[in-house]
Amino acid sequence: MKWILALVLGLMAAPGVAQEGDMRDYTPPALETWRYISDQVMGGVSEGQAEIAGPEGARHLRLTGTVSTANRGGFIQVRGDLLTPLPKGAQGVVVRVKGNGEGYFIHLRTRGTVLPWQYYQAPIPSGPEWQELRVPFTAFRASGAMLRDVPRAGDIKSLAAVAYGRDYEADLSFEWIGVY
């Protein structure tokens, strides 16, 4: 758990804020193509929803609900599948978030995450004001021993914003800006 706290604090520091002109040309999946998934697919009881929110020009995804670890569950998420691969030289993703102050995660799935419970995870903070974060691929931790230590940009198939791992009320507004 200490590494999670260290990563969250590191992401909140000034170097974690994206700088103008720092991102490569890459268009994330359209908001309309993202899908909501909960632990109910495996018998859990978490409930929530994901919706497109905000005015034209500032649209984003909003993930809300109740995360419950009852019945071996504990997550709700909104996931976007990549239509085109990330640039091979990409070092990480740039996201914009605000929320209810709870900790959340970004999950990546790659060509190597073939089982439903496999993913790469990096913590992200949330607060009442929008913040733009750079999350390097080196900050992501594999969910199991069968995966590479660090995901390769060209292998990434999807990205998800996730409320995970403990009982709480989730309210996260999220936008994937691009890669750097």
Protein backbone atom coordinates (compact mmCIF):
# COMPACT_ATOMS: atom_id res chain seq x y z
CA MET A 1 0.00 0.00 0.00
CA LYS A 2 2.94 2.37 0.54
CA TRP A 3 3.70 2.35 -3.20
CA ILE A 4 0.12 3.46 -3.96
CA LEU A 5 0.45 6.46 -1.63
CA ALA A 6 3.84 7.33 -3.11
CA LEU A 7 2.45 7.19 -6.65
CA VAL A 8 -0.57 9.33 -5.77
CA LEU A 9 1.62 11.93 -4.10
CA GLY A 10 4.02 11.84 -7.05
CA LEU A 11 1.19 12.34 -9.54
CA MET A 12 -0.11 15.33 -7.59
CA ALA A 13 3.29 17.05 -7.69
CA ALA A 14 4.06 19.72 -10.31
CA PRO A 15 5.97 17.37 -12.67
CA GLY A 16 2.73 15.36 -13.04
CA VAL A 17 0.93 18.27 -14.66
CA ALA A 18 0.89 18.16 -18.45
CA GLN A 19 2.67 20.99 -20.20
CA GLU A 20 1.37 22.63 -23.37
CA GLY A 21 2.85 21.19 -26.57
CA ASP A 22 3.95 18.09 -24.70
CA MET A 23 1.51 15.61 -26.27
CA ARG A 24 1.80 13.69 -29.51
CA ASP A 25 -0.92 13.56 -32.11
CA TYR A 26 -3.32 10.93 -30.88
CA THR A 27 -7.09 10.99 -30.69
CA PRO A 28 -8.57 8.96 -27.81
CA PRO A 29 -11.78 6.98 -28.42
CA ALA A 30 -14.92 9.11 -28.83
CA LEU A 31 -16.86 9.54 -25.58
CA GLU A 32 -19.89 7.80 -27.11
CA THR A 33 -17.90 4.57 -27.54
CA TRP A 34 -16.88 4.16 -23.88
CA ARG A 35 -18.82 1.54 -21.88
CA TYR A 36 -19.74 1.06 -18.25
CA ILE A 37 -18.69 -2.19 -16.54
CA SER A 38 -19.18 -3.27 -12.92
CA ASP A 39 -18.26 -6.21 -10.73
CA GLN A 40 -21.76 -7.59 -11.40
CA VAL A 41 -20.22 -9.40 -14.40
CA MET A 42 -18.57 -11.69 -11.80
CA GLY A 43 -21.30 -11.75 -9.13
CA GLY A 44 -20.44 -8.55 -7.27
CA VAL A 45 -23.05 -6.04 -6.10
CA SER A 46 -21.50 -2.64 -6.91
CA GLU A 47 -23.90 -0.34 -8.73
CA GLY A 48 -23.27 2.73 -10.81
CA GLN A 49 -23.43 4.44 -14.14
CA ALA A 50 -21.31 6.32 -16.62
CA GLU A 51 -22.65 9.24 -18.60
CA ILE A 52 -21.39 11.93 -20.91
CA ALA A 53 -21.59 15.23 -19.02
CA GLY A 54 -20.69 18.87 -19.49
CA PRO A 55 -21.47 21.52 -22.07
CA GLU A 56 -20.43 21.27 -25.72
CA GLY A 57 -16.70 21.82 -25.96
CA ALA A 58 -16.11 20.59 -22.40
CA ARG A 59 -17.74 17.18 -22.54
CA HIS A 60 -16.34 14.44 -20.35
CA LEU A 61 -17.31 11.12 -18.78
CA ARG A 62 -18.79 11.01 -15.31
CA LEU A 63 -18.61 7.76 -13.34
CA THR A 64 -20.88 7.58 -10.28
CA GLY A 65 -22.10 4.82 -8.02
CA THR A 66 -21.59 2.68 -4.96
CA VAL A 67 -18.55 0.42 -4.84
CA SER A 68 -19.09 -2.63 -2.63
CA THR A 69 -16.64 -5.38 -1.77
CA ALA A 70 -19.53 -7.66 -0.76
CA ASN A 71 -19.75 -10.95 -2.62
CA ARG A 72 -16.07 -10.70 -3.67
CA GLY A 73 -16.71 -7.60 -5.77
CA GLY A 74 -15.39 -4.09 -5.57
CA PHE A 75 -15.35 -2.06 -8.80
CA ILE A 76 -17.19 0.11 -11.28
CA GLN A 77 -15.50 1.49 -14.36
CA VAL A 78 -15.87 3.20 -17.70
CA ARG A 79 -13.65 1.74 -20.46
CA GLY A 80 -12.65 2.96 -23.90
CA ASP A 81 -11.22 0.59 -26.52
CA LEU A 82 -8.49 1.93 -28.79
CA LEU A 83 -9.30 1.93 -32.49
CA THR A 84 -5.70 2.72 -33.43
CA PRO A 85 -2.54 1.79 -31.53
CA LEU A 86 -0.77 4.35 -29.39
CA PRO A 87 2.44 5.76 -30.89
CA LYS A 88 5.31 3.39 -30.06
CA GLY A 89 7.32 6.18 -28.45
CA ALA A 90 4.53 7.27 -26.09
CA GLN A 91 5.68 7.48 -22.46
CA GLY A 92 2.29 7.79 -20.75
CA VAL A 93 -1.25 9.14 -20.85
CA VAL A 94 -2.63 12.58 -20.08
CA VAL A 95 -5.99 12.70 -18.29
CA ARG A 96 -8.14 15.45 -16.82
CA VAL A 97 -10.04 14.59 -13.63
CA LYS A 98 -12.15 16.00 -10.83
CA GLY A 99 -14.13 14.18 -8.21
CA ASN A 100 -15.24 13.79 -4.66
CA GLY A 101 -11.76 13.54 -3.14
CA GLU A 102 -11.59 9.75 -3.26
CA GLY A 103 -8.72 7.88 -4.88
CA TYR A 104 -9.36 6.27 -8.25
CA PHE A 105 -7.36 4.29 -10.79
CA ILE A 106 -6.58 4.10 -14.46
CA HIS A 107 -6.52 0.57 -15.84
CA LEU A 108 -4.84 -0.42 -19.07
CA ARG A 109 -5.45 -3.64 -20.94
CA THR A 110 -2.92 -4.87 -23.48
CA ARG A 111 -2.51 -7.69 -25.97
CA GLY A 112 -0.97 -9.61 -23.04
CA THR A 113 -3.95 -9.20 -20.67
CA VAL A 114 -6.02 -12.05 -22.05
CA LEU A 115 -7.80 -13.09 -18.85
CA PRO A 116 -10.64 -10.89 -17.51
CA TRP A 117 -8.84 -10.21 -14.21
CA GLN A 118 -5.59 -9.06 -15.84
CA TYR A 119 -4.80 -5.34 -16.20
CA TYR A 120 -2.25 -2.67 -15.39
CA GLN A 121 -3.27 -0.17 -12.69
CA ALA A 122 -2.10 3.31 -11.68
CA PRO A 123 -3.70 5.41 -8.92
CA ILE A 124 -5.00 8.91 -9.62
CA PRO A 125 -6.20 11.53 -7.13
CA SER A 126 -9.42 13.50 -7.38
CA GLY A 127 -10.57 16.79 -5.95
CA PRO A 128 -13.25 19.43 -6.50
CA GLU A 129 -11.24 21.28 -9.20
CA TRP A 130 -10.24 19.95 -12.61
CA GLN A 131 -6.62 18.81 -12.73
CA GLU A 132 -4.62 17.56 -15.68
CA LEU A 133 -2.30 14.66 -14.89
CA ARG A 134 0.49 12.93 -16.78
CA VAL A 135 0.55 9.26 -15.82
CA PRO A 136 3.70 7.52 -17.08
CA PHE A 137 3.45 3.89 -18.14
CA THR A 138 6.12 3.15 -15.51
CA ALA A 139 3.54 4.11 -12.81
CA PHE A 140 1.27 1.22 -13.83
CA ARG A 141 1.50 -2.02 -11.85
CA ALA A 142 0.60 -5.40 -13.35
CA SER A 143 -2.26 -7.26 -11.68
CA GLY A 144 -0.35 -10.54 -11.75
CA ALA A 145 3.00 -12.22 -12.23
CA MET A 146 2.28 -13.36 -15.79
CA LEU A 147 2.43 -9.81 -17.20
CA ARG A 148 5.33 -7.57 -18.24
CA ASP A 149 6.50 -5.12 -15.55
CA VAL A 150 5.70 -2.07 -17.71
CA PRO A 151 3.09 -2.04 -20.49
CA ARG A 152 4.33 -1.19 -23.99
CA ALA A 153 2.47 1.67 -25.68
CA GLY A 154 1.94 -0.26 -28.92
CA ASP A 155 0.34 -3.19 -27.05
CA ILE A 156 -2.33 -1.17 -25.21
CA LYS A 157 -5.91 -2.04 -26.28
CA SER A 158 -8.02 -0.07 -23.79
CA LEU A 159 -7.97 2.48 -21.01
CA ALA A 160 -10.45 2.67 -18.11
CA ALA A 161 -11.25 5.05 -15.25
CA VAL A 162 -11.99 2.83 -12.25
CA ALA A 163 -13.45 3.11 -8.74
CA TYR A 164 -11.96 0.06 -7.07
CA GLY A 165 -11.02 -1.96 -4.05
CA ARG A 166 -13.05 -0.74 -1.07
CA ASP A 167 -16.56 0.30 -0.05
CA TYR A 168 -17.30 3.91 -1.02
CA GLU A 169 -19.40 6.33 -3.05
CA ALA A 170 -17.76 7.11 -6.36
CA ASP A 171 -18.09 10.36 -8.28
CA LEU A 172 -15.35 10.90 -10.85
CA SER A 173 -15.42 13.18 -13.87
CA PHE A 174 -12.81 12.02 -16.35
CA GLU A 175 -11.41 12.93 -19.75
CA TRP A 176 -8.59 11.21 -21.58
CA ILE A 177 -6.70 14.04 -23.28
CA GLY A 178 -4.03 12.05 -25.11
CA VAL A 179 -0.51 10.69 -24.73
CA TYR A 180 2.92 12.22 -24.21
